[in-house]
Amino acid sequence: MPENKHMDRLGSADILFFEGFRLDRSGGGLFRLDQEGIAEPVAISSRALDLLGLLVERQGELVSKDVIMEAVWPGTIVEEANRQSTFRRCAASLTRIARTAAASKRCPDGATDLSRR
C-alpha cells in the first residue's frame, strides 16, 4: 500500500521529532522541546495536529488534496467552504507555532543561534 511506505521510511514510531518539537501521534499532542530537552505542550487543534502529522510524515513531498482529506477527515464528506476554513485555521496555527519556535532560537541580541538548529 503506497501510504505505508512513508511510515516505513520514518519507522513505525508514533512519536516524531522535528525542528525542536515532539509530535506524539498516539497521545495526540505537540510539544516544544526546551534547551534541556524538556517537552512543553503546544496548543493546537485536533485537525491541525492531524494535518501536521501528515506533513511531517511526507516531509519534502507534495501531498494531494485527497490524501489530506483522508488524513484530516477520514471517511467524512466535507463541504468545500468548511475545508477551506479549516485549512486557513490550521495554516495560521502552524505558522504561529513556527514563528514562536524561530523566536525561541534567537540570541538575546536578536541574532539567530545557528548552533541550536
N, C-alpha and C. Protein backbone atom coordinates (compact mmCIF):
# COMPACT_ATOMS: atom_id res chain seq x y z
N MET A 1 0.84 -1.18 0.00
CA MET A 1 0.00 0.00 0.00
C MET A 1 0.89 1.24 0.00
N PRO A 2 0.71 2.21 -0.92
CA PRO A 2 1.60 3.36 -1.05
C PRO A 2 1.68 4.21 0.21
N GLU A 3 0.58 4.36 0.94
CA GLU A 3 0.61 5.19 2.15
C GLU A 3 1.57 4.65 3.20
N ASN A 4 1.74 3.33 3.27
CA ASN A 4 2.58 2.72 4.29
C ASN A 4 4.07 2.92 4.03
N LYS A 5 4.46 3.21 2.79
CA LYS A 5 5.88 3.40 2.51
C LYS A 5 6.43 4.58 3.30
N HIS A 6 5.59 5.56 3.59
CA HIS A 6 6.05 6.73 4.35
C HIS A 6 6.32 6.36 5.79
N MET A 7 5.51 5.52 6.36
CA MET A 7 5.73 5.09 7.74
C MET A 7 6.99 4.25 7.83
N ASP A 8 7.24 3.42 6.79
CA ASP A 8 8.45 2.61 6.80
C ASP A 8 9.70 3.48 6.80
N ARG A 9 9.66 4.57 6.07
CA ARG A 9 10.80 5.46 5.97
C ARG A 9 11.09 6.12 7.31
N LEU A 10 10.05 6.50 8.04
CA LEU A 10 10.22 7.17 9.33
C LEU A 10 10.28 6.18 10.48
N GLY A 11 9.96 4.94 10.22
CA GLY A 11 9.80 3.97 11.29
C GLY A 11 8.34 3.94 11.67
N SER A 12 7.99 3.00 12.49
CA SER A 12 6.58 2.88 12.85
C SER A 12 6.27 3.60 14.16
N ALA A 13 7.21 4.38 14.66
CA ALA A 13 7.02 5.07 15.93
C ALA A 13 5.86 6.07 15.83
N ASP A 14 5.15 6.20 16.92
CA ASP A 14 4.08 7.19 16.99
C ASP A 14 4.61 8.54 17.46
N ILE A 15 5.87 8.60 17.82
CA ILE A 15 6.47 9.85 18.28
C ILE A 15 7.52 10.28 17.26
N LEU A 16 7.35 11.49 16.72
CA LEU A 16 8.25 12.02 15.72
C LEU A 16 8.90 13.30 16.26
N PHE A 17 10.18 13.48 15.98
CA PHE A 17 10.91 14.66 16.39
C PHE A 17 11.29 15.47 15.15
N PHE A 18 11.08 16.79 15.21
CA PHE A 18 11.45 17.67 14.10
C PHE A 18 11.58 19.10 14.61
N GLU A 19 12.61 19.78 14.15
CA GLU A 19 12.79 21.21 14.39
C GLU A 19 12.51 21.65 15.83
N GLY A 20 12.95 20.90 16.80
CA GLY A 20 12.75 21.28 18.20
C GLY A 20 11.38 20.95 18.76
N PHE A 21 10.65 20.08 18.07
CA PHE A 21 9.32 19.67 18.51
C PHE A 21 9.25 18.16 18.62
N ARG A 22 8.31 17.69 19.43
CA ARG A 22 7.97 16.27 19.51
C ARG A 22 6.48 16.16 19.20
N LEU A 23 6.18 15.37 18.20
CA LEU A 23 4.79 15.12 17.80
C LEU A 23 4.44 13.72 18.27
N ASP A 24 3.50 13.64 19.19
CA ASP A 24 3.05 12.36 19.74
C ASP A 24 1.71 12.03 19.09
N ARG A 25 1.77 11.23 18.04
CA ARG A 25 0.56 10.94 17.27
C ARG A 25 -0.42 10.09 18.03
N SER A 26 0.05 9.10 18.78
CA SER A 26 -0.87 8.23 19.51
C SER A 26 -1.46 8.95 20.72
N GLY A 27 -0.66 9.80 21.35
CA GLY A 27 -1.13 10.55 22.52
C GLY A 27 -1.84 11.83 22.16
N GLY A 28 -1.74 12.21 20.88
CA GLY A 28 -2.47 13.38 20.41
C GLY A 28 -1.92 14.70 20.91
N GLY A 29 -0.61 14.89 20.82
CA GLY A 29 -0.08 16.16 21.29
C GLY A 29 1.16 16.60 20.56
N LEU A 30 1.37 17.91 20.58
CA LEU A 30 2.57 18.52 20.05
C LEU A 30 3.27 19.19 21.20
N PHE A 31 4.58 19.00 21.28
CA PHE A 31 5.36 19.54 22.39
C PHE A 31 6.59 20.25 21.85
N ARG A 32 6.90 21.40 22.44
CA ARG A 32 8.13 22.12 22.10
C ARG A 32 9.19 21.67 23.09
N LEU A 33 10.37 21.35 22.60
CA LEU A 33 11.47 20.91 23.45
C LEU A 33 12.32 22.11 23.81
N ASP A 34 12.53 22.34 25.12
CA ASP A 34 13.38 23.45 25.52
C ASP A 34 14.85 23.06 25.45
N GLN A 35 15.74 23.94 25.88
CA GLN A 35 17.18 23.69 25.78
C GLN A 35 17.61 22.43 26.51
N GLU A 36 16.92 22.08 27.57
CA GLU A 36 17.26 20.87 28.34
C GLU A 36 16.55 19.63 27.81
N GLY A 37 15.76 19.79 26.77
CA GLY A 37 15.03 18.66 26.20
C GLY A 37 13.72 18.37 26.89
N ILE A 38 13.28 19.28 27.76
CA ILE A 38 12.00 19.11 28.44
C ILE A 38 10.89 19.54 27.50
N ALA A 39 9.87 18.71 27.39
CA ALA A 39 8.77 18.94 26.46
C ALA A 39 7.68 19.78 27.11
N GLU A 40 7.34 20.89 26.44
CA GLU A 40 6.25 21.76 26.89
C GLU A 40 5.11 21.64 25.88
N PRO A 41 3.88 21.41 26.34
CA PRO A 41 2.77 21.25 25.39
C PRO A 41 2.50 22.52 24.60
N VAL A 42 2.11 22.33 23.34
CA VAL A 42 1.75 23.42 22.45
C VAL A 42 0.26 23.30 22.15
N ALA A 43 -0.46 24.40 22.29
CA ALA A 43 -1.90 24.39 21.98
C ALA A 43 -2.09 24.29 20.47
N ILE A 44 -2.83 23.28 20.04
CA ILE A 44 -3.08 23.06 18.61
C ILE A 44 -4.37 22.26 18.47
N SER A 45 -5.16 22.61 17.47
CA SER A 45 -6.43 21.90 17.27
C SER A 45 -6.17 20.48 16.77
N SER A 46 -7.16 19.64 16.94
CA SER A 46 -7.00 18.25 16.50
C SER A 46 -6.84 18.15 14.99
N ARG A 47 -7.54 19.00 14.24
CA ARG A 47 -7.41 18.99 12.78
C ARG A 47 -6.00 19.44 12.38
N ALA A 48 -5.50 20.50 13.02
CA ALA A 48 -4.14 20.98 12.72
C ALA A 48 -3.12 19.92 13.10
N LEU A 49 -3.37 19.21 14.18
CA LEU A 49 -2.46 18.14 14.61
C LEU A 49 -2.44 17.01 13.58
N ASP A 50 -3.61 16.64 13.06
CA ASP A 50 -3.68 15.61 12.02
C ASP A 50 -2.95 16.06 10.76
N LEU A 51 -3.16 17.32 10.37
CA LEU A 51 -2.50 17.85 9.18
C LEU A 51 -0.99 17.91 9.38
N LEU A 52 -0.56 18.37 10.54
CA LEU A 52 0.87 18.43 10.84
C LEU A 52 1.50 17.04 10.80
N GLY A 53 0.82 16.06 11.38
CA GLY A 53 1.33 14.70 11.37
C GLY A 53 1.53 14.18 9.95
N LEU A 54 0.57 14.47 9.09
CA LEU A 54 0.68 14.06 7.69
C LEU A 54 1.85 14.75 7.01
N LEU A 55 1.99 16.06 7.23
CA LEU A 55 3.06 16.80 6.57
C LEU A 55 4.43 16.38 7.08
N VAL A 56 4.54 16.06 8.35
CA VAL A 56 5.81 15.57 8.88
C VAL A 56 6.14 14.21 8.28
N GLU A 57 5.15 13.34 8.19
CA GLU A 57 5.36 12.03 7.55
C GLU A 57 5.83 12.17 6.12
N ARG A 58 5.26 13.13 5.42
CA ARG A 58 5.52 13.29 3.99
C ARG A 58 6.48 14.46 3.73
N GLN A 59 7.35 14.73 4.66
CA GLN A 59 8.28 15.85 4.57
C GLN A 59 8.95 15.93 3.21
N GLY A 60 8.88 17.11 2.59
CA GLY A 60 9.53 17.34 1.30
C GLY A 60 8.73 16.89 0.10
N GLU A 61 7.54 16.34 0.32
CA GLU A 61 6.71 15.84 -0.78
C GLU A 61 5.49 16.73 -0.98
N LEU A 62 4.97 16.71 -2.19
CA LEU A 62 3.67 17.32 -2.43
C LEU A 62 2.61 16.34 -1.95
N VAL A 63 1.61 16.85 -1.25
CA VAL A 63 0.57 15.98 -0.72
C VAL A 63 -0.75 16.38 -1.38
N SER A 64 -1.42 15.42 -1.97
CA SER A 64 -2.66 15.71 -2.70
C SER A 64 -3.79 16.06 -1.75
N LYS A 65 -4.77 16.75 -2.30
CA LYS A 65 -5.96 17.11 -1.54
C LYS A 65 -6.66 15.85 -1.02
N ASP A 66 -6.73 14.81 -1.84
CA ASP A 66 -7.40 13.57 -1.43
C ASP A 66 -6.70 12.94 -0.23
N VAL A 67 -5.38 12.94 -0.24
CA VAL A 67 -4.62 12.36 0.88
C VAL A 67 -4.85 13.19 2.14
N ILE A 68 -4.86 14.52 2.00
CA ILE A 68 -5.12 15.39 3.14
C ILE A 68 -6.52 15.15 3.68
N MET A 69 -7.48 15.08 2.79
CA MET A 69 -8.87 14.86 3.21
C MET A 69 -9.00 13.57 4.00
N GLU A 70 -8.36 12.51 3.54
CA GLU A 70 -8.46 11.22 4.24
C GLU A 70 -7.75 11.26 5.59
N ALA A 71 -6.66 12.02 5.69
CA ALA A 71 -5.92 12.11 6.95
C ALA A 71 -6.63 12.98 7.98
N VAL A 72 -7.22 14.08 7.51
CA VAL A 72 -7.82 15.05 8.43
C VAL A 72 -9.30 14.76 8.68
N TRP A 73 -10.00 14.27 7.66
CA TRP A 73 -11.42 13.94 7.79
C TRP A 73 -11.67 12.53 7.28
N PRO A 74 -11.15 11.51 7.92
CA PRO A 74 -11.30 10.14 7.39
C PRO A 74 -12.77 9.72 7.28
N GLY A 75 -13.15 9.30 6.07
CA GLY A 75 -14.49 8.78 5.85
C GLY A 75 -15.60 9.80 5.99
N THR A 76 -15.26 11.08 5.92
CA THR A 76 -16.26 12.13 6.11
C THR A 76 -16.38 12.98 4.86
N ILE A 77 -17.62 13.36 4.51
CA ILE A 77 -17.83 14.29 3.41
C ILE A 77 -17.80 15.69 4.00
N VAL A 78 -16.95 16.55 3.44
CA VAL A 78 -16.77 17.90 3.96
C VAL A 78 -17.04 18.89 2.84
N GLU A 79 -17.86 19.91 3.14
CA GLU A 79 -18.13 20.94 2.15
C GLU A 79 -16.86 21.74 1.91
N GLU A 80 -16.71 22.21 0.68
CA GLU A 80 -15.52 22.95 0.28
C GLU A 80 -15.28 24.17 1.17
N ALA A 81 -16.31 24.91 1.51
CA ALA A 81 -16.15 26.10 2.36
C ALA A 81 -15.61 25.72 3.74
N ASN A 82 -16.11 24.63 4.31
CA ASN A 82 -15.63 24.18 5.62
C ASN A 82 -14.18 23.72 5.54
N ARG A 83 -13.83 23.01 4.46
CA ARG A 83 -12.47 22.55 4.28
C ARG A 83 -11.51 23.73 4.18
N GLN A 84 -11.87 24.71 3.35
CA GLN A 84 -11.00 25.89 3.19
C GLN A 84 -10.85 26.65 4.50
N SER A 85 -11.93 26.80 5.24
CA SER A 85 -11.87 27.49 6.52
C SER A 85 -10.96 26.75 7.50
N THR A 86 -11.09 25.44 7.54
CA THR A 86 -10.24 24.65 8.44
C THR A 86 -8.79 24.73 8.01
N PHE A 87 -8.51 24.68 6.71
CA PHE A 87 -7.14 24.80 6.22
C PHE A 87 -6.54 26.15 6.62
N ARG A 88 -7.33 27.22 6.50
CA ARG A 88 -6.83 28.55 6.89
C ARG A 88 -6.49 28.58 8.38
N ARG A 89 -7.37 28.02 9.21
CA ARG A 89 -7.10 28.00 10.66
C ARG A 89 -5.89 27.14 10.97
N CYS A 90 -5.76 25.99 10.30
CA CYS A 90 -4.59 25.12 10.51
C CYS A 90 -3.31 25.84 10.10
N ALA A 91 -3.35 26.48 8.94
CA ALA A 91 -2.16 27.19 8.46
C ALA A 91 -1.78 28.30 9.43
N ALA A 92 -2.76 29.03 9.93
CA ALA A 92 -2.47 30.11 10.89
C ALA A 92 -1.87 29.55 12.17
N SER A 93 -2.42 28.45 12.63
CA SER A 93 -1.92 27.81 13.85
C SER A 93 -0.50 27.31 13.67
N LEU A 94 -0.23 26.63 12.56
CA LEU A 94 1.11 26.11 12.30
C LEU A 94 2.12 27.23 12.07
N THR A 95 1.69 28.32 11.43
CA THR A 95 2.56 29.48 11.24
C THR A 95 2.92 30.10 12.57
N ARG A 96 1.94 30.23 13.46
CA ARG A 96 2.19 30.79 14.79
C ARG A 96 3.19 29.93 15.55
N ILE A 97 3.03 28.62 15.47
CA ILE A 97 3.94 27.69 16.16
C ILE A 97 5.35 27.83 15.58
N ALA A 98 5.46 27.90 14.26
CA ALA A 98 6.77 28.02 13.62
C ALA A 98 7.45 29.33 14.00
N ARG A 99 6.68 30.41 14.03
CA ARG A 99 7.26 31.71 14.41
C ARG A 99 7.72 31.71 15.86
N THR A 100 6.94 31.11 16.72
CA THR A 100 7.31 31.02 18.13
C THR A 100 8.59 30.21 18.28
N ALA A 101 8.69 29.13 17.53
CA ALA A 101 9.89 28.28 17.60
C ALA A 101 11.10 29.05 17.09
N ALA A 102 10.93 29.79 16.00
CA ALA A 102 12.05 30.56 15.45
C ALA A 102 12.48 31.65 16.42
N ALA A 103 11.52 32.29 17.07
CA ALA A 103 11.85 33.35 18.03
C ALA A 103 12.59 32.78 19.23
N SER A 104 12.27 31.55 19.61
CA SER A 104 12.92 30.96 20.78
C SER A 104 14.37 30.57 20.47
N LYS A 105 14.74 30.55 19.19
CA LYS A 105 16.11 30.21 18.80
C LYS A 105 16.98 31.45 18.66
N ARG A 106 16.46 32.61 18.98
CA ARG A 106 17.23 33.85 18.82
C ARG A 106 18.05 34.13 20.08
N CYS A 107 19.21 34.69 19.85
CA CYS A 107 20.08 35.10 20.95
C CYS A 107 19.53 36.39 21.55
N PRO A 108 19.96 36.75 22.75
CA PRO A 108 19.47 37.98 23.37
C PRO A 108 19.67 39.23 22.51
N ASP A 109 20.73 39.28 21.70
CA ASP A 109 20.96 40.47 20.87
C ASP A 109 20.16 40.45 19.57
N GLY A 110 19.33 39.43 19.37
CA GLY A 110 18.46 39.36 18.21
C GLY A 110 19.02 38.51 17.09
N ALA A 111 20.28 38.10 17.18
CA ALA A 111 20.86 37.24 16.16
C ALA A 111 20.31 35.83 16.31
N THR A 112 20.33 35.07 15.26
CA THR A 112 19.84 33.70 15.32
C THR A 112 20.96 32.78 15.79
N ASP A 113 20.66 31.91 16.72
CA ASP A 113 21.61 30.94 17.24
C ASP A 113 21.59 29.71 16.33
N LEU A 114 22.52 29.64 15.38
CA LEU A 114 22.54 28.55 14.40
C LEU A 114 22.95 27.24 15.01
N SER A 115 23.59 27.26 16.17
CA SER A 115 24.04 26.01 16.79
C SER A 115 22.87 25.17 17.29
N ARG A 116 21.71 25.76 17.47
CA ARG A 116 20.56 25.03 18.01
C ARG A 116 19.67 24.49 16.91
N ARG A 117 20.00 24.70 15.66
CA ARG A 117 19.16 24.23 14.55
C ARG A 117 19.45 22.81 14.20
